[in-house]
Amino acid sequence: MRQIGDRATELRRDFDRSFAEPPRARRPPSIDLLAIRLGGDPHALRLSAISGVFASKKLTPLPGASPDLLGIAGFRGSVVPVYDLRMLLGYPASDRPRWLVVAAAQPVALAFEGLDGYLRLPLDRIARPEQPHASRAHVHELARVADPRTPAQAPRPLVDLDSIVAAIRLRVRDNLPLQQRERKE
C-alpha cells in the first residue's frame, strides 16, 4: 500500500509543478509540401491537395487526346486521366515524367519528372509573388525554402492543384457536346 501512496504523492507533486512551470513554446502553424522539379526548376505542391504519389506508373495513351493529356492509368481500382503538369504550367512537354500525383479534389493525375522530397515550413515562409506571371496562372504563392547552395531562402513556386483541376474540368466540360454539357450542369 505504501507504493500506491508514494505514487499518488508523486503524481500530485508533478501535477502542481506543471502549473508553476512556464508554458511550453508552441510551434508556429506549418504547411506540409511535396518538393518537385519541372524542367529542372524547383516547385512545390501542398500535401493536403494530394491523395497519392506514384512512381513509374504505366500509362495507356488515348488517340486524338490533347497534347497535355498523357493518357490514363489505374490507381487503386480506378482509371484516372494523367496530365503533363509541365505543359499545364506553360513549360514544353516532358519527355518521360517519372512521378505522378493524384489530386485529392478530383480523380486526376499530374505527371512530373523530379521529386526532391518532403518539406514542412512555417506558414510565414509562404508568400504571394510580387509580380505574378501570366504564364504561371496556377502559381499563386511562393515557398521560401532554405537552400544550402545560397545564403538566402530560395523561392519555390507553390502550384495550386485545385486551380489546375478546375481548369481541366472546365476545359473538358467545354469540349463536351451541348446535350451532355446541359446534363452536367
Protein backbone atom coordinates (compact mmCIF):
# COMPACT_ATOMS: atom_id res chain seq x y z
CA MET A 1 0.00 0.00 0.00
CA ARG A 2 2.88 2.30 0.70
CA GLN A 3 3.86 2.23 -3.00
CA ILE A 4 0.41 3.44 -4.07
CA GLY A 5 0.51 6.31 -1.55
CA ASP A 6 4.01 7.31 -2.69
CA ARG A 7 2.93 7.17 -6.32
CA ALA A 8 -0.15 9.32 -5.60
CA THR A 9 2.02 11.91 -3.82
CA GLU A 10 4.46 11.95 -6.73
CA LEU A 11 1.64 12.41 -9.27
CA ARG A 12 0.11 15.25 -7.19
CA ARG A 13 3.52 16.99 -6.98
CA ASP A 14 4.07 16.64 -10.76
CA PHE A 15 0.58 17.98 -11.42
CA ASP A 16 1.12 21.02 -9.17
CA ARG A 17 4.59 21.65 -10.66
CA SER A 18 3.12 21.67 -14.20
CA PHE A 19 1.21 24.85 -13.26
CA ALA A 20 4.29 26.51 -11.79
CA GLU A 21 6.43 25.96 -14.90
CA PRO A 22 6.28 28.48 -17.76
CA PRO A 23 4.08 27.33 -20.64
CA ARG A 24 5.87 25.41 -23.35
CA ALA A 25 6.55 27.28 -26.54
CA ARG A 26 4.04 26.36 -29.21
CA ARG A 27 5.19 25.54 -32.67
CA PRO A 28 4.11 28.06 -35.26
CA PRO A 29 1.46 26.85 -37.71
CA SER A 30 3.08 24.99 -40.58
CA ILE A 31 2.37 23.62 -44.03
CA ASP A 32 3.42 20.26 -45.47
CA LEU A 33 4.72 20.30 -49.04
CA LEU A 34 5.99 17.92 -51.67
CA ALA A 35 9.07 19.42 -53.32
CA ILE A 36 9.17 18.60 -57.05
CA ARG A 37 11.07 19.57 -60.20
CA LEU A 38 9.54 20.64 -63.51
CA GLY A 39 12.00 21.09 -66.34
CA GLY A 40 14.78 21.32 -63.76
CA ASP A 41 13.01 24.16 -61.91
CA PRO A 42 12.02 23.71 -58.25
CA HIS A 43 8.30 23.77 -57.41
CA ALA A 44 6.12 22.54 -54.55
CA LEU A 45 2.67 21.03 -54.05
CA ARG A 46 0.55 21.12 -50.90
CA LEU A 47 0.34 17.62 -49.45
CA SER A 48 -3.25 18.35 -48.40
CA ALA A 49 -4.18 18.62 -52.11
CA ILE A 50 -2.70 15.20 -52.96
CA SER A 51 -4.27 11.79 -52.35
CA GLY A 52 -1.26 9.76 -53.55
CA VAL A 53 2.23 9.82 -55.06
CA PHE A 54 3.30 7.14 -57.54
CA ALA A 55 6.48 6.31 -59.45
CA SER A 56 6.92 4.81 -62.91
CA LYS A 57 3.23 4.09 -63.50
CA LYS A 58 2.29 2.53 -66.85
CA LEU A 59 0.22 4.90 -68.96
CA THR A 60 -2.15 4.00 -71.78
CA PRO A 61 -2.19 6.78 -74.39
CA LEU A 62 -5.50 7.94 -75.82
CA PRO A 63 -5.79 8.55 -79.57
CA GLY A 64 -6.67 12.13 -80.51
CA ALA A 65 -6.15 13.47 -76.98
CA SER A 66 -4.83 16.96 -76.35
CA PRO A 67 -1.02 17.09 -76.05
CA ASP A 68 -1.08 17.66 -72.28
CA LEU A 69 -3.25 14.55 -71.69
CA LEU A 70 -0.63 11.81 -71.49
CA GLY A 71 -3.20 9.01 -71.21
CA ILE A 72 -4.93 7.04 -68.49
CA ALA A 73 -3.59 4.91 -65.65
CA GLY A 74 -5.02 2.68 -62.96
CA PHE A 75 -4.87 3.86 -59.34
CA ARG A 76 -6.33 1.76 -56.53
CA GLY A 77 -9.01 0.25 -58.72
CA SER A 78 -9.89 3.44 -60.63
CA VAL A 79 -8.91 4.59 -64.11
CA VAL A 80 -7.72 8.20 -63.99
CA PRO A 81 -6.64 10.66 -66.71
CA VAL A 82 -2.97 11.68 -66.46
CA TYR A 83 -1.89 15.19 -67.49
CA ASP A 84 1.59 16.61 -68.01
CA LEU A 85 1.99 19.15 -65.19
CA ARG A 86 4.78 20.91 -67.09
CA MET A 87 2.51 21.66 -70.03
CA LEU A 88 -0.33 22.81 -67.77
CA LEU A 89 2.09 25.37 -66.30
CA GLY A 90 3.32 26.60 -69.67
CA TYR A 91 6.53 24.57 -69.96
CA PRO A 92 7.37 22.45 -73.02
CA ALA A 93 6.21 18.83 -72.93
CA SER A 94 8.11 16.42 -70.74
CA ASP A 95 9.98 13.54 -72.38
CA ARG A 96 9.31 10.94 -69.73
CA PRO A 97 7.80 12.07 -66.45
CA ARG A 98 8.60 9.50 -63.77
CA TRP A 99 6.36 10.72 -60.96
CA LEU A 100 2.59 11.09 -60.68
CA VAL A 101 0.41 12.70 -58.04
CA VAL A 102 -3.32 12.12 -57.81
CA ALA A 103 -5.26 15.23 -56.84
CA ALA A 104 -7.42 14.93 -53.73
CA ALA A 105 -10.20 17.14 -55.14
CA GLN A 106 -10.86 15.11 -58.30
CA PRO A 107 -9.61 11.82 -59.76
CA VAL A 108 -6.95 13.45 -61.95
CA ALA A 109 -3.25 12.57 -62.01
CA LEU A 110 -0.47 15.00 -62.82
CA ALA A 111 2.93 13.87 -64.12
CA PHE A 112 6.31 15.47 -63.40
CA GLU A 113 9.91 14.39 -63.69
CA GLY A 114 11.65 15.13 -60.39
CA LEU A 115 10.84 14.51 -56.74
CA ASP A 116 13.04 16.41 -54.27
CA GLY A 117 11.27 15.28 -51.10
CA TYR A 118 9.07 16.40 -48.25
CA LEU A 119 9.10 19.88 -46.70
CA ARG A 120 7.43 21.24 -43.58
CA LEU A 121 7.57 25.02 -43.46
CA PRO A 122 6.18 27.60 -41.04
CA LEU A 123 3.29 29.47 -42.64
CA ASP A 124 5.27 32.71 -42.51
CA ARG A 125 7.59 31.23 -45.18
CA ILE A 126 4.71 31.18 -47.70
CA ALA A 127 4.29 34.45 -49.61
CA ARG A 128 2.43 35.86 -52.58
CA PRO A 129 4.68 36.72 -55.52
CA GLU A 130 5.20 40.45 -56.03
CA GLN A 131 4.75 40.15 -59.80
CA PRO A 132 2.53 37.20 -60.79
CA HIS A 133 3.50 35.71 -64.16
CA ALA A 134 0.68 35.35 -66.67
CA SER A 135 2.30 32.13 -67.92
CA ARG A 136 2.12 30.68 -64.40
CA ALA A 137 -1.61 31.10 -63.82
CA HIS A 138 -1.71 28.21 -61.33
CA VAL A 139 1.04 29.57 -59.08
CA HIS A 140 -0.35 31.99 -56.51
CA GLU A 141 2.22 31.56 -53.73
CA LEU A 142 5.94 31.03 -53.20
CA ALA A 143 7.50 28.84 -50.54
CA ARG A 144 10.74 30.34 -49.22
CA VAL A 145 12.95 27.32 -48.67
CA ALA A 146 16.43 27.29 -47.19
CA ASP A 147 18.88 26.36 -49.95
CA PRO A 148 22.29 25.05 -48.83
CA ARG A 149 23.86 26.46 -52.02
CA THR A 150 22.89 30.07 -51.27
CA PRO A 151 22.76 32.18 -48.08
CA ALA A 152 19.18 33.30 -48.80
CA GLN A 153 15.91 31.44 -48.86
CA ALA A 154 15.22 30.37 -52.44
CA PRO A 155 11.62 30.87 -53.62
CA ARG A 156 9.91 27.66 -54.75
CA PRO A 157 6.66 28.28 -56.69
CA LEU A 158 3.74 26.60 -54.94
CA VAL A 159 1.48 25.02 -57.58
CA ASP A 160 -2.24 25.32 -56.81
CA LEU A 161 -3.61 21.86 -57.67
CA ASP A 162 -7.21 22.93 -57.05
CA SER A 163 -6.79 25.66 -59.69
CA ILE A 164 -5.34 23.16 -62.16
CA VAL A 165 -8.13 20.63 -61.54
CA ALA A 166 -10.76 23.37 -62.01
CA ALA A 167 -9.15 24.43 -65.32
CA ILE A 168 -9.08 20.81 -66.56
CA ARG A 169 -12.71 20.29 -65.53
CA LEU A 170 -13.77 23.49 -67.34
CA ARG A 171 -11.86 22.54 -70.48
CA VAL A 172 -13.37 19.03 -70.52
CA ARG A 173 -16.86 20.45 -69.96
CA ASP A 174 -16.40 22.95 -72.80
CA ASN A 175 -15.35 20.14 -75.16
CA LEU A 176 -18.47 18.07 -74.47
CA PRO A 177 -21.36 18.18 -76.94
CA LEU A 178 -24.04 20.67 -75.89
CA GLN A 179 -26.52 18.00 -74.75
CA GLN A 180 -24.00 16.37 -72.41
CA ARG A 181 -22.92 19.78 -71.10
CA GLU A 182 -26.52 20.64 -70.15
CA ARG A 183 -26.90 17.34 -68.25
CA LYS A 184 -23.71 18.03 -66.24
CA GLU A 185 -24.90 21.49 -65.17
